[in-house]
Amino acid sequence: LEDSALPPLFKGVKPKVVRSTGGFAGGVVTEGMGYALMIEGMLAAQGDGWAKELALGLLRSWLGMVQGVNHDPKLALGGANEQD
């Protein structure tokens, strides 16, 4: 997602992801990103600046996954809401 498509808080924030190897969930895992967001968000709420930076990067990547590849609002959730 471009900076212009996001609230000003995200300007210049680099995307971050959680990767997994082995098992059933290989590659970028949304569940892992959710847990990381929860932990980093709790730490950021306590004033940890690095945790805030990590949380914003994770959230930016998560928003990109929700928006999907083509940035088409009709294909929210990366097209997962399509009926086929």
N, C-alpha and C. Protein backbone atom coordinates (compact mmCIF):
# COMPACT_ATOMS: atom_id res chain seq x y z
N LEU A 1 0.83 -1.18 0.00
CA LEU A 1 0.00 0.00 0.00
C LEU A 1 0.88 1.24 0.00
N GLU A 2 0.43 2.23 -0.74
CA GLU A 2 1.16 3.50 -0.79
C GLU A 2 0.88 4.31 0.48
N ASP A 3 1.83 5.16 0.85
CA ASP A 3 1.65 6.03 2.02
C ASP A 3 0.36 6.83 1.91
N SER A 4 0.04 7.28 0.69
CA SER A 4 -1.14 8.14 0.49
C SER A 4 -2.46 7.41 0.76
N ALA A 5 -2.44 6.08 0.75
CA ALA A 5 -3.66 5.29 0.99
C ALA A 5 -3.87 4.99 2.47
N LEU A 6 -2.94 5.45 3.31
CA LEU A 6 -2.99 5.12 4.74
C LEU A 6 -3.03 6.38 5.59
N PRO A 7 -3.44 6.26 6.84
CA PRO A 7 -3.38 7.41 7.75
C PRO A 7 -1.93 7.91 7.88
N PRO A 8 -1.75 9.19 8.19
CA PRO A 8 -0.41 9.77 8.29
C PRO A 8 0.55 9.03 9.21
N LEU A 9 0.04 8.35 10.22
CA LEU A 9 0.87 7.61 11.17
C LEU A 9 1.76 6.58 10.46
N PHE A 10 1.32 6.09 9.29
CA PHE A 10 2.06 5.05 8.57
C PHE A 10 3.11 5.59 7.60
N LYS A 11 3.20 6.91 7.45
CA LYS A 11 4.13 7.49 6.48
C LYS A 11 5.56 7.04 6.77
N GLY A 12 6.17 6.41 5.79
CA GLY A 12 7.55 5.96 5.91
C GLY A 12 7.76 4.68 6.69
N VAL A 13 6.69 4.08 7.21
CA VAL A 13 6.80 2.83 7.97
C VAL A 13 7.06 1.68 7.01
N LYS A 14 8.11 0.92 7.28
CA LYS A 14 8.44 -0.23 6.43
C LYS A 14 7.59 -1.43 6.83
N PRO A 15 7.02 -2.13 5.84
CA PRO A 15 6.22 -3.32 6.15
C PRO A 15 7.05 -4.42 6.80
N LYS A 16 6.44 -5.15 7.71
CA LYS A 16 7.07 -6.29 8.39
C LYS A 16 6.12 -7.48 8.29
N VAL A 17 6.67 -8.68 8.22
CA VAL A 17 5.85 -9.89 8.19
C VAL A 17 6.42 -10.92 9.15
N VAL A 18 5.60 -11.91 9.47
CA VAL A 18 6.04 -13.06 10.26
C VAL A 18 6.08 -14.24 9.30
N ARG A 19 7.22 -14.89 9.23
CA ARG A 19 7.38 -16.05 8.35
C ARG A 19 7.49 -17.31 9.18
N SER A 20 6.96 -18.38 8.62
CA SER A 20 7.01 -19.68 9.29
C SER A 20 7.60 -20.70 8.33
N THR A 21 8.34 -21.65 8.89
CA THR A 21 8.86 -22.75 8.06
C THR A 21 8.44 -24.06 8.71
N GLY A 22 8.22 -25.04 7.85
CA GLY A 22 7.82 -26.35 8.36
C GLY A 22 6.35 -26.38 8.74
N GLY A 23 5.87 -27.54 9.03
CA GLY A 23 4.47 -27.69 9.43
C GLY A 23 3.51 -27.37 8.29
N PHE A 24 2.28 -27.07 8.66
CA PHE A 24 1.25 -26.80 7.67
C PHE A 24 1.28 -25.36 7.17
N ALA A 25 1.73 -24.43 8.00
CA ALA A 25 1.70 -23.01 7.65
C ALA A 25 3.09 -22.54 7.29
N GLY A 26 3.46 -22.69 6.04
CA GLY A 26 4.76 -22.20 5.60
C GLY A 26 4.61 -20.86 4.92
N GLY A 27 5.61 -20.00 5.04
CA GLY A 27 5.56 -18.68 4.42
C GLY A 27 5.06 -17.63 5.38
N VAL A 28 4.42 -16.61 4.85
CA VAL A 28 3.88 -15.53 5.68
C VAL A 28 2.59 -16.03 6.32
N VAL A 29 2.51 -15.90 7.64
CA VAL A 29 1.36 -16.44 8.37
C VAL A 29 0.58 -15.33 9.07
N THR A 30 -0.70 -15.21 8.74
CA THR A 30 -1.51 -14.17 9.35
C THR A 30 -1.73 -14.41 10.83
N GLU A 31 -1.82 -15.67 11.25
CA GLU A 31 -2.02 -15.96 12.68
C GLU A 31 -0.80 -15.48 13.47
N GLY A 32 0.38 -15.76 12.97
CA GLY A 32 1.59 -15.30 13.64
C GLY A 32 1.67 -13.78 13.68
N MET A 33 1.22 -13.15 12.60
CA MET A 33 1.21 -11.68 12.58
C MET A 33 0.22 -11.14 13.61
N GLY A 34 -0.90 -11.84 13.78
CA GLY A 34 -1.88 -11.40 14.78
C GLY A 34 -1.33 -11.47 16.19
N TYR A 35 -0.64 -12.58 16.50
CA TYR A 35 -0.03 -12.70 17.83
C TYR A 35 1.06 -11.64 18.02
N ALA A 36 1.86 -11.42 17.00
CA ALA A 36 2.92 -10.41 17.10
C ALA A 36 2.32 -9.01 17.29
N LEU A 37 1.23 -8.72 16.56
CA LEU A 37 0.56 -7.43 16.72
C LEU A 37 0.04 -7.25 18.15
N MET A 38 -0.49 -8.31 18.71
CA MET A 38 -1.02 -8.23 20.07
C MET A 38 0.11 -7.90 21.06
N ILE A 39 1.20 -8.63 20.97
CA ILE A 39 2.31 -8.42 21.91
C ILE A 39 2.95 -7.05 21.70
N GLU A 40 3.26 -6.72 20.45
CA GLU A 40 3.90 -5.42 20.18
C GLU A 40 2.97 -4.27 20.55
N GLY A 41 1.67 -4.45 20.33
CA GLY A 41 0.71 -3.42 20.70
C GLY A 41 0.66 -3.19 22.20
N MET A 42 0.70 -4.28 22.97
CA MET A 42 0.70 -4.14 24.44
C MET A 42 1.97 -3.42 24.90
N LEU A 43 3.11 -3.78 24.31
CA LEU A 43 4.36 -3.13 24.69
C LEU A 43 4.37 -1.66 24.26
N ALA A 44 3.84 -1.39 23.06
CA ALA A 44 3.78 -0.01 22.58
C ALA A 44 2.89 0.84 23.48
N ALA A 45 1.80 0.25 23.96
CA ALA A 45 0.89 0.98 24.85
C ALA A 45 1.58 1.36 26.16
N GLN A 46 2.64 0.63 26.52
CA GLN A 46 3.40 0.93 27.72
C GLN A 46 4.54 1.89 27.44
N GLY A 47 4.64 2.37 26.19
CA GLY A 47 5.64 3.37 25.85
C GLY A 47 6.87 2.87 25.13
N ASP A 48 6.89 1.60 24.73
CA ASP A 48 8.05 1.04 24.03
C ASP A 48 8.03 1.49 22.56
N GLY A 49 8.93 2.38 22.20
CA GLY A 49 8.98 2.94 20.85
C GLY A 49 9.32 1.92 19.78
N TRP A 50 10.22 0.98 20.09
CA TRP A 50 10.59 -0.04 19.11
C TRP A 50 9.40 -0.95 18.84
N ALA A 51 8.66 -1.30 19.89
CA ALA A 51 7.46 -2.14 19.72
C ALA A 51 6.43 -1.42 18.86
N LYS A 52 6.30 -0.11 19.04
CA LYS A 52 5.36 0.66 18.22
C LYS A 52 5.77 0.61 16.75
N GLU A 53 7.07 0.76 16.49
CA GLU A 53 7.58 0.69 15.11
C GLU A 53 7.29 -0.68 14.49
N LEU A 54 7.56 -1.74 15.25
CA LEU A 54 7.29 -3.10 14.76
C LEU A 54 5.80 -3.33 14.53
N ALA A 55 4.97 -2.87 15.46
CA ALA A 55 3.53 -3.05 15.34
C ALA A 55 2.99 -2.33 14.11
N LEU A 56 3.45 -1.12 13.87
CA LEU A 56 2.99 -0.37 12.69
C LEU A 56 3.41 -1.07 11.40
N GLY A 57 4.62 -1.63 11.37
CA GLY A 57 5.08 -2.36 10.19
C GLY A 57 4.25 -3.61 9.95
N LEU A 58 3.94 -4.33 11.01
CA LEU A 58 3.09 -5.52 10.89
C LEU A 58 1.68 -5.15 10.44
N LEU A 59 1.15 -4.08 11.02
CA LEU A 59 -0.20 -3.65 10.66
C LEU A 59 -0.25 -3.19 9.20
N ARG A 60 0.79 -2.51 8.75
CA ARG A 60 0.83 -2.07 7.35
C ARG A 60 0.80 -3.29 6.42
N SER A 61 1.56 -4.31 6.73
CA SER A 61 1.57 -5.53 5.91
C SER A 61 0.22 -6.23 5.96
N TRP A 62 -0.38 -6.28 7.15
CA TRP A 62 -1.68 -6.92 7.30
C TRP A 62 -2.74 -6.19 6.48
N LEU A 63 -2.70 -4.86 6.53
CA LEU A 63 -3.64 -4.07 5.72
C LEU A 63 -3.45 -4.35 4.23
N GLY A 64 -2.20 -4.53 3.81
CA GLY A 64 -1.93 -4.88 2.41
C GLY A 64 -2.52 -6.23 2.05
N MET A 65 -2.45 -7.19 2.96
CA MET A 65 -3.04 -8.50 2.68
C MET A 65 -4.56 -8.40 2.60
N VAL A 66 -5.16 -7.58 3.46
CA VAL A 66 -6.61 -7.40 3.44
C VAL A 66 -7.04 -6.73 2.14
N GLN A 67 -6.27 -5.73 1.71
CA GLN A 67 -6.60 -5.00 0.49
C GLN A 67 -6.47 -5.89 -0.73
N GLY A 68 -5.50 -6.76 -0.74
CA GLY A 68 -5.30 -7.66 -1.87
C GLY A 68 -4.27 -7.12 -2.85
N VAL A 69 -3.95 -7.94 -3.82
CA VAL A 69 -2.89 -7.64 -4.76
C VAL A 69 -3.23 -6.50 -5.70
N ASN A 70 -4.44 -6.45 -6.17
CA ASN A 70 -4.83 -5.47 -7.19
C ASN A 70 -5.34 -4.16 -6.62
N HIS A 71 -5.36 -4.01 -5.31
CA HIS A 71 -5.86 -2.79 -4.66
C HIS A 71 -7.27 -2.44 -5.12
N ASP A 72 -8.05 -3.45 -5.43
CA ASP A 72 -9.42 -3.25 -5.89
C ASP A 72 -10.36 -3.44 -4.70
N PRO A 73 -11.09 -2.36 -4.30
CA PRO A 73 -11.98 -2.48 -3.14
C PRO A 73 -13.02 -3.60 -3.29
N LYS A 74 -13.32 -3.98 -4.52
CA LYS A 74 -14.28 -5.06 -4.74
C LYS A 74 -13.66 -6.41 -4.39
N LEU A 75 -12.33 -6.46 -4.27
CA LEU A 75 -11.63 -7.70 -3.93
C LEU A 75 -11.01 -7.61 -2.54
N ALA A 76 -11.79 -7.09 -1.61
CA ALA A 76 -11.27 -7.00 -0.23
C ALA A 76 -10.88 -8.39 0.26
N LEU A 77 -10.02 -8.44 1.24
CA LEU A 77 -9.49 -9.67 1.80
C LEU A 77 -8.70 -10.46 0.76
N GLY A 78 -8.11 -9.76 -0.19
CA GLY A 78 -7.33 -10.43 -1.23
C GLY A 78 -8.19 -11.31 -2.12
N GLY A 79 -9.48 -11.01 -2.20
CA GLY A 79 -10.39 -11.81 -3.02
C GLY A 79 -11.02 -12.96 -2.27
N ALA A 80 -10.73 -13.09 -0.97
CA ALA A 80 -11.25 -14.22 -0.20
C ALA A 80 -12.77 -14.17 -0.02
N ASN A 81 -13.36 -13.00 -0.29
CA ASN A 81 -14.81 -12.90 -0.14
C ASN A 81 -15.55 -13.21 -1.44
N GLU A 82 -14.82 -13.60 -2.48
CA GLU A 82 -15.45 -13.95 -3.75
C GLU A 82 -16.20 -15.26 -3.61
N GLN A 83 -17.30 -15.38 -4.28
CA GLN A 83 -18.08 -16.60 -4.26
C GLN A 83 -17.76 -17.40 -5.52
N ASP A 84 -17.12 -18.55 -5.36
CA ASP A 84 -16.90 -19.40 -6.54
C ASP A 84 -17.02 -20.86 -6.22
